[in-house]
C-alpha cells in the first residue's frame, strides 16, 4: 500500500530500491516492483536450466521453474514476518532461443502478477490494504521486466520522471493511487490539474520501448507447462492458457525479499490438482458409460 510519504524525487530512482515516483509517460511507478528482483530470479533459472530432464511422452527436455510474488506482515515485538503470496510451479522447455525465453518470462510474470493482485484485492486482504490492482502495480512490474530482460535502454529515464514537488501536487489533488484500480498493463496517467475544471485520470498507451517483447498467446504449445509431481502436465486445467497459481504462506525472519530463485519454505492453501479424466464421456453432447 503506497502512502504519501513514500513519494520521492523522480530523478533519484537510479539509487533507490523502494519508493513511489511519478512519470509523465507511465504514471505512478512503484520502485519496489520496478527494480525487477523477481525477474532477476526468473532469468537466472531460465538460463541455467538446472534439473532438466527428458520426458518421453512429450518427446522434449524440460526443467522446473518456480516463480512467486509475495507480500509480508510483521509480527509485533519479534523479528518474524508472515509472508503470503502466489507460487507458480512450472516446467519450461529446454534449449529455447534467447528471444523465446524472454517471451516465456513475460508470460509467466503477467499471468502470475495479475493473480497476485487479485489475491491482494480479495476480501482476505483488502480490508487491510488497497494494494490490490493499485494503479501503479502492474505497470511497475512491466518496467521491472524490461529492466532485466530488455535492451540496455533506461526505461525509467525515457518515462520522464517528475520532480518531487510535481508528484506531491498530483497526489494532493487526486488522492492515493490505491483508490484508482488498474487491471491491465497500460499506464494510468494523471493530467496536471487545471482549476476550476475537475481533472480525471486516463489510460495511456504503452510506448514502443516497453512493448517490443510479446507474451505467448497460446500455452497449448510445448514451450511452457504447469507442473505436478515434477512432471509437465499440459491439461492441468480445462483452460489450456491458464498457469497454476498456488496461494501460500511462509514464516521467516527479516523483511528483505529473497533474491534466491528457490521457493522458500512455505505452506500451500488448497493446492490445485490436474483435472481427472471424464470416463463417462466419449463424444457428442450426451455422457455415455464406457462399459
C-alpha atoms as a PDB file:
ATOM      1  CA  UNK A   1       0.000   0.000   0.000  1.00  0.00           C
ATOM      2  CA  UNK A   2       1.542   3.289  -1.122  1.00  0.00           C
ATOM      3  CA  UNK A   3       1.179   6.378   1.059  1.00  0.00           C
ATOM      4  CA  UNK A   4       2.186   9.990   0.547  1.00  0.00           C
ATOM      5  CA  UNK A   5       5.427   9.695   2.495  1.00  0.00           C
ATOM      6  CA  UNK A   6       6.594   7.014   0.001  1.00  0.00           C
ATOM      7  CA  UNK A   7       6.851   9.613  -2.782  1.00  0.00           C
ATOM      8  CA  UNK A   8      10.424  10.508  -3.730  1.00  0.00           C
ATOM      9  CA  UNK A   9      12.021  12.732  -6.328  1.00  0.00           C
ATOM     10  CA  UNK A  10      11.795  11.040  -9.713  1.00  0.00           C
ATOM     11  CA  UNK A  11      15.391  11.841 -10.619  1.00  0.00           C
ATOM     12  CA  UNK A  12      16.627   9.812  -7.632  1.00  0.00           C
ATOM     13  CA  UNK A  13      15.263   6.481  -8.923  1.00  0.00           C
ATOM     14  CA  UNK A  14      18.640   5.107 -10.019  1.00  0.00           C
ATOM     15  CA  UNK A  15      19.927   4.665  -6.468  1.00  0.00           C
ATOM     16  CA  UNK A  16      16.665   3.661  -4.770  1.00  0.00           C
ATOM     17  CA  UNK A  17      15.134   0.201  -4.347  1.00  0.00           C
ATOM     18  CA  UNK A  18      11.822   1.411  -2.980  1.00  0.00           C
ATOM     19  CA  UNK A  19       9.629   4.469  -3.081  1.00  0.00           C
ATOM     20  CA  UNK A  20       6.997   5.954  -5.350  1.00  0.00           C
ATOM     21  CA  UNK A  21       7.709   8.262  -8.278  1.00  0.00           C
ATOM     22  CA  UNK A  22       5.541   9.860 -10.926  1.00  0.00           C
ATOM     23  CA  UNK A  23       6.500   9.680 -14.594  1.00  0.00           C
ATOM     24  CA  UNK A  24       4.838  11.653 -17.369  1.00  0.00           C
ATOM     25  CA  UNK A  25       4.732   8.659 -19.756  1.00  0.00           C
ATOM     26  CA  UNK A  26       3.881   5.761 -17.423  1.00  0.00           C
ATOM     27  CA  UNK A  27       2.158   7.476 -14.496  1.00  0.00           C
ATOM     28  CA  UNK A  28       2.943   6.366 -10.946  1.00  0.00           C
ATOM     29  CA  UNK A  29       5.735   3.803 -10.592  1.00  0.00           C
ATOM     30  CA  UNK A  30       6.475   1.716  -7.509  1.00  0.00           C
ATOM     31  CA  UNK A  31      10.265   1.347  -7.405  1.00  0.00           C
ATOM     32  CA  UNK A  32       9.950  -1.831  -5.332  1.00  0.00           C
ATOM     33  CA  UNK A  33       8.072  -3.536  -8.160  1.00  0.00           C
ATOM     34  CA  UNK A  34      10.147  -1.837 -10.848  1.00  0.00           C
ATOM     35  CA  UNK A  35      13.531  -2.967  -9.529  1.00  0.00           C
ATOM     36  CA  UNK A  36      12.817  -6.392 -11.058  1.00  0.00           C
ATOM     37  CA  UNK A  37      14.092  -8.621  -8.228  1.00  0.00           C
ATOM     38  CA  UNK A  38      11.619 -11.351  -9.206  1.00  0.00           C
ATOM     39  CA  UNK A  39      12.720 -11.056 -12.831  1.00  0.00           C
ATOM     40  CA  UNK A  40      16.374 -11.482 -11.857  1.00  0.00           C
ATOM     41  CA  UNK A  41      15.463 -14.692 -10.037  1.00  0.00           C
ATOM     42  CA  UNK A  42      13.488 -15.917 -13.044  1.00  0.00           C
ATOM     43  CA  UNK A  43      16.225 -15.034 -15.526  1.00  0.00           C
ATOM     44  CA  UNK A  44      18.772 -16.995 -13.523  1.00  0.00           C
ATOM     45  CA  UNK A  45      16.545 -20.081 -13.578  1.00  0.00           C
ATOM     46  CA  UNK A  46      15.673 -19.808 -17.265  1.00  0.00           C
ATOM     47  CA  UNK A  47      19.265 -19.506 -18.410  1.00  0.00           C
ATOM     48  CA  UNK A  48      20.841 -22.064 -16.057  1.00  0.00           C
ATOM     49  CA  UNK A  49      18.219 -24.760 -16.817  1.00  0.00           C
ATOM     50  CA  UNK A  50      19.042 -26.738 -13.681  1.00  0.00           C
ATOM     51  CA  UNK A  51      17.363 -30.108 -13.254  1.00  0.00           C
ATOM     52  CA  UNK A  52      16.401 -30.553 -16.885  1.00  0.00           C
ATOM     53  CA  UNK A  53      15.058 -33.965 -17.802  1.00  0.00           C
ATOM     54  CA  UNK A  54      13.782 -35.774 -20.871  1.00  0.00           C
ATOM     55  CA  UNK A  55      10.077 -36.705 -20.899  1.00  0.00           C
ATOM     56  CA  UNK A  56       9.349 -39.444 -23.482  1.00  0.00           C
ATOM     57  CA  UNK A  57       5.601 -38.768 -23.644  1.00  0.00           C
ATOM     58  CA  UNK A  58       6.263 -35.214 -24.798  1.00  0.00           C
ATOM     59  CA  UNK A  59       9.488 -36.098 -26.622  1.00  0.00           C
ATOM     60  CA  UNK A  60      11.084 -32.979 -25.125  1.00  0.00           C
ATOM     61  CA  UNK A  61      13.516 -31.859 -22.432  1.00  0.00           C
ATOM     62  CA  UNK A  62      12.070 -29.704 -19.604  1.00  0.00           C
ATOM     63  CA  UNK A  63      13.414 -28.072 -16.451  1.00  0.00           C
ATOM     64  CA  UNK A  64      11.498 -26.892 -13.350  1.00  0.00           C
ATOM     65  CA  UNK A  65      10.712 -23.222 -12.711  1.00  0.00           C
ATOM     66  CA  UNK A  66       9.260 -21.797  -9.506  1.00  0.00           C
ATOM     67  CA  UNK A  67       8.021 -18.236  -9.867  1.00  0.00           C
ATOM     68  CA  UNK A  68       6.409 -16.386  -6.987  1.00  0.00           C
ATOM     69  CA  UNK A  69       5.283 -12.949  -5.850  1.00  0.00           C
ATOM     70  CA  UNK A  70       4.723 -12.223  -2.190  1.00  0.00           C
ATOM     71  CA  UNK A  71       3.991  -9.627   0.489  1.00  0.00           C
ATOM     72  CA  UNK A  72       4.802  -9.509   4.202  1.00  0.00           C
ATOM     73  CA  UNK A  73       3.222  -8.534   7.509  1.00  0.00           C
ATOM     74  CA  UNK A  74       5.448  -8.083  10.545  1.00  0.00           C
ATOM     75  CA  UNK A  75       4.664  -9.745  13.869  1.00  0.00           C
ATOM     76  CA  UNK A  76       4.886  -7.184  16.657  1.00  0.00           C
ATOM     77  CA  UNK A  77       7.719  -7.466  19.155  1.00  0.00           C
ATOM     78  CA  UNK A  78       9.504 -10.113  17.043  1.00  0.00           C
ATOM     79  CA  UNK A  79      11.847 -10.232  14.076  1.00  0.00           C
ATOM     80  CA  UNK A  80       9.493 -12.636  12.331  1.00  0.00           C
ATOM     81  CA  UNK A  81       7.271 -11.841   9.376  1.00  0.00           C
ATOM     82  CA  UNK A  82       4.326 -13.656   7.868  1.00  0.00           C
ATOM     83  CA  UNK A  83       4.718 -13.775   4.102  1.00  0.00           C
ATOM     84  CA  UNK A  84       1.871 -14.592   1.765  1.00  0.00           C
ATOM     85  CA  UNK A  85       1.766 -14.815  -1.989  1.00  0.00           C
ATOM     86  CA  UNK A  86       1.237 -16.772  -5.169  1.00  0.00           C
ATOM     87  CA  UNK A  87       3.566 -19.564  -6.258  1.00  0.00           C
ATOM     88  CA  UNK A  88       3.528 -20.975  -9.774  1.00  0.00           C
ATOM     89  CA  UNK A  89       5.178 -24.407 -10.183  1.00  0.00           C
ATOM     90  CA  UNK A  90       6.059 -24.752 -13.868  1.00  0.00           C
ATOM     91  CA  UNK A  91       8.093 -26.689 -16.391  1.00  0.00           C
ATOM     92  CA  UNK A  92       9.808 -24.858 -19.253  1.00  0.00           C
ATOM     93  CA  UNK A  93      11.154 -26.481 -22.399  1.00  0.00           C
ATOM     94  CA  UNK A  94      14.922 -26.674 -22.566  1.00  0.00           C
ATOM     95  CA  UNK A  95      17.200 -25.072 -25.176  1.00  0.00           C
ATOM     96  CA  UNK A  96      14.817 -22.305 -26.221  1.00  0.00           C
ATOM     97  CA  UNK A  97      16.213 -19.307 -28.045  1.00  0.00           C
ATOM     98  CA  UNK A  98      17.047 -16.141 -26.129  1.00  0.00           C
ATOM     99  CA  UNK A  99      14.059 -14.379 -27.685  1.00  0.00           C
ATOM    100  CA  UNK A 100      11.669 -17.188 -26.750  1.00  0.00           C
ATOM    101  CA  UNK A 101      12.934 -17.264 -23.161  1.00  0.00           C
ATOM    102  CA  UNK A 102      12.114 -13.569 -22.876  1.00  0.00           C
ATOM    103  CA  UNK A 103       8.583 -14.241 -24.128  1.00  0.00           C
ATOM    104  CA  UNK A 104       8.205 -17.128 -21.680  1.00  0.00           C
ATOM    105  CA  UNK A 105       9.399 -14.917 -18.809  1.00  0.00           C
ATOM    106  CA  UNK A 106       6.974 -12.136 -19.763  1.00  0.00           C
ATOM    107  CA  UNK A 107       4.091 -14.616 -19.993  1.00  0.00           C
ATOM    108  CA  UNK A 108       4.820 -16.033 -16.544  1.00  0.00           C
ATOM    109  CA  UNK A 109       5.174 -12.599 -14.973  1.00  0.00           C
ATOM    110  CA  UNK A 110       1.995 -11.154 -16.487  1.00  0.00           C
ATOM    111  CA  UNK A 111      -0.217 -14.091 -15.574  1.00  0.00           C
ATOM    112  CA  UNK A 112       1.061 -14.549 -12.021  1.00  0.00           C
ATOM    113  CA  UNK A 113       1.310 -10.815 -11.296  1.00  0.00           C
ATOM    114  CA  UNK A 114      -2.373 -10.486 -12.204  1.00  0.00           C
ATOM    115  CA  UNK A 115      -3.174 -13.451  -9.962  1.00  0.00           C
ATOM    116  CA  UNK A 116      -1.186 -11.869  -7.115  1.00  0.00           C
ATOM    117  CA  UNK A 117      -3.033  -8.573  -7.467  1.00  0.00           C
ATOM    118  CA  UNK A 118      -6.337 -10.492  -7.395  1.00  0.00           C
ATOM    119  CA  UNK A 119      -5.175 -12.139  -4.162  1.00  0.00           C
ATOM    120  CA  UNK A 120      -4.427  -8.723  -2.643  1.00  0.00           C
ATOM    121  CA  UNK A 121      -7.811  -7.468  -3.821  1.00  0.00           C
ATOM    122  CA  UNK A 122      -9.668 -10.380  -2.216  1.00  0.00           C
ATOM    123  CA  UNK A 123     -11.749  -9.992   0.940  1.00  0.00           C
ATOM    124  CA  UNK A 124      -8.982 -11.816   2.804  1.00  0.00           C
ATOM    125  CA  UNK A 125      -6.590  -8.902   2.252  1.00  0.00           C
ATOM    126  CA  UNK A 126      -8.392  -5.778   1.001  1.00  0.00           C
ATOM    127  CA  UNK A 127      -9.781  -4.864   4.433  1.00  0.00           C
ATOM    128  CA  UNK A 128      -6.158  -4.184   5.417  1.00  0.00           C
ATOM    129  CA  UNK A 129      -4.700  -2.631   2.280  1.00  0.00           C
ATOM    130  CA  UNK A 130      -5.726  -1.047  -1.022  1.00  0.00           C
ATOM    131  CA  UNK A 131      -2.769  -2.617  -2.846  1.00  0.00           C
ATOM    132  CA  UNK A 132      -4.849  -4.999  -4.964  1.00  0.00           C
ATOM    133  CA  UNK A 133      -4.737  -3.729  -8.565  1.00  0.00           C
ATOM    134  CA  UNK A 134      -3.451  -0.379  -7.319  1.00  0.00           C
ATOM    135  CA  UNK A 135      -2.999   1.904 -10.344  1.00  0.00           C
ATOM    136  CA  UNK A 136       0.798   1.635 -10.408  1.00  0.00           C
ATOM    137  CA  UNK A 137       1.461  -2.035  -9.634  1.00  0.00           C
ATOM    138  CA  UNK A 138       1.141  -3.937 -12.921  1.00  0.00           C
ATOM    139  CA  UNK A 139       2.838  -1.210 -14.966  1.00  0.00           C
ATOM    140  CA  UNK A 140       5.686  -1.188 -12.432  1.00  0.00           C
ATOM    141  CA  UNK A 141       6.001  -4.974 -12.823  1.00  0.00           C
ATOM    142  CA  UNK A 142       6.322  -4.471 -16.567  1.00  0.00           C
ATOM    143  CA  UNK A 143       9.047  -1.869 -16.027  1.00  0.00           C
ATOM    144  CA  UNK A 144      10.883  -4.363 -13.810  1.00  0.00           C
ATOM    145  CA  UNK A 145      10.679  -6.964 -16.568  1.00  0.00           C
ATOM    146  CA  UNK A 146      12.184  -4.668 -19.200  1.00  0.00           C
ATOM    147  CA  UNK A 147      14.941  -3.500 -16.859  1.00  0.00           C
ATOM    148  CA  UNK A 148      16.088  -7.145 -16.624  1.00  0.00           C
ATOM    149  CA  UNK A 149      15.132  -8.779 -19.946  1.00  0.00           C
ATOM    150  CA  UNK A 150      15.069  -5.757 -22.237  1.00  0.00           C
ATOM    151  CA  UNK A 151      17.857  -3.987 -24.089  1.00  0.00           C
ATOM    152  CA  UNK A 152      20.164  -1.541 -22.336  1.00  0.00           C
ATOM    153  CA  UNK A 153      17.635   1.280 -22.664  1.00  0.00           C
ATOM    154  CA  UNK A 154      16.940   3.071 -19.361  1.00  0.00           C
ATOM    155  CA  UNK A 155      13.153   2.776 -19.448  1.00  0.00           C
ATOM    156  CA  UNK A 156      12.607   4.892 -16.337  1.00  0.00           C
ATOM    157  CA  UNK A 157      14.557   7.785 -17.786  1.00  0.00           C
ATOM    158  CA  UNK A 158      12.547   7.522 -21.019  1.00  0.00           C
ATOM    159  CA  UNK A 159       9.379   7.594 -18.898  1.00  0.00           C
ATOM    160  CA  UNK A 160      10.287  11.174 -17.891  1.00  0.00           C
ATOM    161  CA  UNK A 161      10.324  11.012 -14.075  1.00  0.00           C
ATOM    162  CA  UNK A 162       8.888  14.090 -12.385  1.00  0.00           C
ATOM    163  CA  UNK A 163      10.346  16.144  -9.563  1.00  0.00           C
ATOM    164  CA  UNK A 164       9.093  15.672  -6.017  1.00  0.00           C
ATOM    165  CA  UNK A 165       7.019  18.859  -5.838  1.00  0.00           C
ATOM    166  CA  UNK A 166       5.111  17.972  -9.000  1.00  0.00           C
ATOM    167  CA  UNK A 167       4.436  14.410  -7.811  1.00  0.00           C
ATOM    168  CA  UNK A 168       3.186  15.654  -4.439  1.00  0.00           C
ATOM    169  CA  UNK A 169       0.841  18.129  -6.120  1.00  0.00           C
ATOM    170  CA  UNK A 170      -0.742  15.300  -8.136  1.00  0.00           C
ATOM    171  CA  UNK A 171      -1.169  13.134  -5.043  1.00  0.00           C
ATOM    172  CA  UNK A 172      -2.774  16.005  -3.132  1.00  0.00           C
ATOM    173  CA  UNK A 173      -5.192  16.695  -5.977  1.00  0.00           C
ATOM    174  CA  UNK A 174      -6.231  13.158  -6.949  1.00  0.00           C
ATOM    175  CA  UNK A 175      -5.682  11.307  -3.687  1.00  0.00           C
ATOM    176  CA  UNK A 176      -3.965   7.955  -3.010  1.00  0.00           C
ATOM    177  CA  UNK A 177      -3.078   5.906  -6.080  1.00  0.00           C
ATOM    178  CA  UNK A 178      -4.535   2.810  -4.389  1.00  0.00           C
ATOM    179  CA  UNK A 179      -8.030   4.233  -4.824  1.00  0.00           C
ATOM    180  CA  UNK A 180      -7.600   4.018  -8.615  1.00  0.00           C
ATOM    181  CA  UNK A 181      -7.654   0.431  -9.885  1.00  0.00           C
ATOM    182  CA  UNK A 182      -5.808  -0.760 -12.961  1.00  0.00           C
ATOM    183  CA  UNK A 183      -6.437  -4.368 -14.062  1.00  0.00           C
ATOM    184  CA  UNK A 184      -4.125  -4.193 -17.053  1.00  0.00           C
ATOM    185  CA  UNK A 185      -0.575  -3.298 -18.009  1.00  0.00           C
ATOM    186  CA  UNK A 186      -1.437   0.045 -19.605  1.00  0.00           C
ATOM    187  CA  UNK A 187      -0.253   3.171 -17.756  1.00  0.00           C
ATOM    188  CA  UNK A 188      -2.758   5.191 -15.748  1.00  0.00           C
ATOM    189  CA  UNK A 189      -1.966   8.873 -16.277  1.00  0.00           C
ATOM    190  CA  UNK A 190      -2.892  11.828 -14.074  1.00  0.00           C
ATOM    191  CA  UNK A 191      -3.054  15.088 -16.024  1.00  0.00           C
ATOM    192  CA  UNK A 192      -1.858  18.275 -14.403  1.00  0.00           C
ATOM    193  CA  UNK A 193      -4.875  19.850 -12.625  1.00  0.00           C
ATOM    194  CA  UNK A 194      -6.354  22.894 -14.353  1.00  0.00           C
ATOM    195  CA  UNK A 195      -8.784  24.593 -11.918  1.00  0.00           C
ATOM    196  CA  UNK A 196     -11.664  25.145 -11.909  1.00  0.00           C
ATOM    197  CA  UNK A 197     -12.105  22.074 -14.127  1.00  0.00           C
ATOM    198  CA  UNK A 198     -12.128  18.704 -12.387  1.00  0.00           C
ATOM    199  CA  UNK A 199      -9.369  16.533 -13.807  1.00  0.00           C
ATOM    200  CA  UNK A 200      -9.694  12.744 -14.018  1.00  0.00           C
ATOM    201  CA  UNK A 201      -7.038  10.092 -14.679  1.00  0.00           C
ATOM    202  CA  UNK A 202      -6.973   8.399 -18.072  1.00  0.00           C
ATOM    203  CA  UNK A 203      -5.348   5.328 -19.563  1.00  0.00           C
ATOM    204  CA  UNK A 204      -2.372   5.898 -21.806  1.00  0.00           C
ATOM    205  CA  UNK A 205      -0.687   3.634 -24.334  1.00  0.00           C
ATOM    206  CA  UNK A 206       2.499   1.678 -23.845  1.00  0.00           C
ATOM    207  CA  UNK A 207       5.441   3.243 -25.697  1.00  0.00           C
ATOM    208  CA  UNK A 208       7.347   1.116 -28.208  1.00  0.00           C
ATOM    209  CA  UNK A 209      10.312   0.743 -25.831  1.00  0.00           C
ATOM    210  CA  UNK A 210       8.036  -1.041 -23.348  1.00  0.00           C
ATOM    211  CA  UNK A 211       6.134  -3.165 -25.846  1.00  0.00           C
ATOM    212  CA  UNK A 212       8.625  -4.872 -28.167  1.00  0.00           C
ATOM    213  CA  UNK A 213       8.606  -8.232 -26.331  1.00  0.00           C
ATOM    214  CA  UNK A 214       5.282 -10.048 -26.594  1.00  0.00           C
ATOM    215  CA  UNK A 215       3.849 -12.721 -24.276  1.00  0.00           C
ATOM    216  CA  UNK A 216       2.875 -16.113 -25.643  1.00  0.00           C
ATOM    217  CA  UNK A 217      -0.682 -16.066 -26.918  1.00  0.00           C
ATOM    218  CA  UNK A 218      -1.196 -19.820 -26.821  1.00  0.00           C
ATOM    219  CA  UNK A 219       0.063 -22.034 -23.980  1.00  0.00           C
ATOM    220  CA  UNK A 220      -1.088 -25.260 -25.620  1.00  0.00           C
ATOM    221  CA  UNK A 221       2.356 -25.408 -27.278  1.00  0.00           C
ATOM    222  CA  UNK A 222       5.363 -27.138 -25.724  1.00  0.00           C
ATOM    223  CA  UNK A 223       7.221 -24.056 -24.509  1.00  0.00           C
ATOM    224  CA  UNK A 224       5.750 -23.866 -21.019  1.00  0.00           C
ATOM    225  CA  UNK A 225       3.644 -26.196 -18.903  1.00  0.00           C
ATOM    226  CA  UNK A 226       2.153 -26.486 -15.443  1.00  0.00           C
ATOM    227  CA  UNK A 227       3.992 -28.899 -13.147  1.00  0.00           C
ATOM    228  CA  UNK A 228       2.574 -31.654 -10.969  1.00  0.00           C
ATOM    229  CA  UNK A 229       4.737 -34.213  -9.107  1.00  0.00           C
ATOM    230  CA  UNK A 230       7.755 -32.881 -11.060  1.00  0.00           C
ATOM    231  CA  UNK A 231       6.143 -33.766 -14.378  1.00  0.00           C
ATOM    232  CA  UNK A 232       4.842 -31.315 -17.018  1.00  0.00           C
ATOM    233  CA  UNK A 233       1.047 -31.512 -17.315  1.00  0.00           C
ATOM    234  CA  UNK A 234      -0.439 -29.916 -20.418  1.00  0.00           C
ATOM    235  CA  UNK A 235      -4.107 -30.423 -19.478  1.00  0.00           C
ATOM    236  CA  UNK A 236      -3.858 -29.277 -15.870  1.00  0.00           C
ATOM    237  CA  UNK A 237      -6.887 -27.002 -16.306  1.00  0.00           C
ATOM    238  CA  UNK A 238      -9.758 -27.049 -18.770  1.00  0.00           C
ATOM    239  CA  UNK A 239      -8.451 -23.657 -19.903  1.00  0.00           C
ATOM    240  CA  UNK A 240      -5.186 -24.535 -21.659  1.00  0.00           C
ATOM    241  CA  UNK A 241      -3.946 -20.951 -21.320  1.00  0.00           C
ATOM    242  CA  UNK A 242      -4.134 -20.919 -17.529  1.00  0.00           C
ATOM    243  CA  UNK A 243      -0.987 -21.113 -15.415  1.00  0.00           C
ATOM    244  CA  UNK A 244      -1.262 -22.622 -11.967  1.00  0.00           C
ATOM    245  CA  UNK A 245      -1.071 -20.141  -9.085  1.00  0.00           C
ATOM    246  CA  UNK A 246      -0.909 -21.620  -5.583  1.00  0.00           C
ATOM    247  CA  UNK A 247      -1.746 -19.476  -2.558  1.00  0.00           C
ATOM    248  CA  UNK A 248       0.881 -19.936   0.168  1.00  0.00           C
ATOM    249  CA  UNK A 249       2.166 -18.543   3.463  1.00  0.00           C
ATOM    250  CA  UNK A 250       5.684 -18.554   4.860  1.00  0.00           C
ATOM    251  CA  UNK A 251       7.119 -17.598   8.271  1.00  0.00           C
ATOM    252  CA  UNK A 252      10.587 -16.052   8.008  1.00  0.00           C
ATOM    253  CA  UNK A 253      12.959 -13.724   9.805  1.00  0.00           C
ATOM    254  CA  UNK A 254      13.675 -10.294   8.410  1.00  0.00           C
ATOM    255  CA  UNK A 255      11.786  -8.149   5.956  1.00  0.00           C
ATOM    256  CA  UNK A 256      14.013  -8.322   2.887  1.00  0.00           C
ATOM    257  CA  UNK A 257      12.666 -10.004  -0.226  1.00  0.00           C
ATOM    258  CA  UNK A 258      14.556 -13.126  -1.224  1.00  0.00           C
ATOM    259  CA  UNK A 259      16.991 -12.939  -4.120  1.00  0.00           C
ATOM    260  CA  UNK A 260      17.354 -16.725  -4.374  1.00  0.00           C
ATOM    261  CA  UNK A 261      15.474 -18.491  -7.174  1.00  0.00           C
ATOM    262  CA  UNK A 262      14.454 -21.449  -4.995  1.00  0.00           C
ATOM    263  CA  UNK A 263      10.996 -21.378  -3.481  1.00  0.00           C
ATOM    264  CA  UNK A 264      11.175 -20.556   0.265  1.00  0.00           C
ATOM    265  CA  UNK A 265       9.831 -22.970   2.861  1.00  0.00           C
ATOM    266  CA  UNK A 266       6.070 -22.469   2.781  1.00  0.00           C
ATOM    267  CA  UNK A 267       2.601 -23.909   3.323  1.00  0.00           C
ATOM    268  CA  UNK A 268       0.116 -24.129   0.447  1.00  0.00           C
ATOM    269  CA  UNK A 269      -3.601 -23.449   0.858  1.00  0.00           C
ATOM    270  CA  UNK A 270      -5.932 -25.595  -1.213  1.00  0.00           C
ATOM    271  CA  UNK A 271      -3.405 -26.802  -3.770  1.00  0.00           C
ATOM    272  CA  UNK A 272      -4.651 -27.380  -7.291  1.00  0.00           C
ATOM    273  CA  UNK A 273      -4.618 -30.838  -8.849  1.00  0.00           C
ATOM    274  CA  UNK A 274      -4.890 -31.865 -12.507  1.00  0.00           C
ATOM    275  CA  UNK A 275      -8.455 -32.280 -13.710  1.00  0.00           C
ATOM    276  CA  UNK A 276      -9.376 -36.012 -13.612  1.00  0.00           C
ATOM    277  CA  UNK A 277     -10.349 -37.636 -16.919  1.00  0.00           C
ATOM    278  CA  UNK A 278     -14.051 -37.956 -17.659  1.00  0.00           C
ATOM    279  CA  UNK A 279     -14.534 -41.695 -18.057  1.00  0.00           C
ATOM    280  CA  UNK A 280     -18.237 -41.293 -18.876  1.00  0.00           C
ATOM    281  CA  UNK A 281     -17.810 -39.114 -21.942  1.00  0.00           C
ATOM    282  CA  UNK A 282     -16.742 -40.334 -25.355  1.00  0.00           C
ATOM    283  CA  UNK A 283     -18.126 -37.694 -27.671  1.00  0.00           C
ATOM    284  CA  UNK A 284     -21.221 -35.713 -28.528  1.00  0.00           C
ATOM    285  CA  UNK A 285     -23.497 -33.967 -26.058  1.00  0.00           C
ATOM    286  CA  UNK A 286     -24.698 -36.953 -24.007  1.00  0.00           C
ATOM    287  CA  UNK A 287     -22.458 -38.747 -21.496  1.00  0.00           C
ATOM    288  CA  UNK A 288     -22.173 -42.449 -22.304  1.00  0.00           C
ATOM    289  CA  UNK A 289     -20.736 -45.111 -19.964  1.00  0.00           C
ATOM    290  CA  UNK A 290     -17.667 -46.830 -21.385  1.00  0.00           C
ATOM    291  CA  UNK A 291     -18.656 -50.288 -20.165  1.00  0.00           C
END
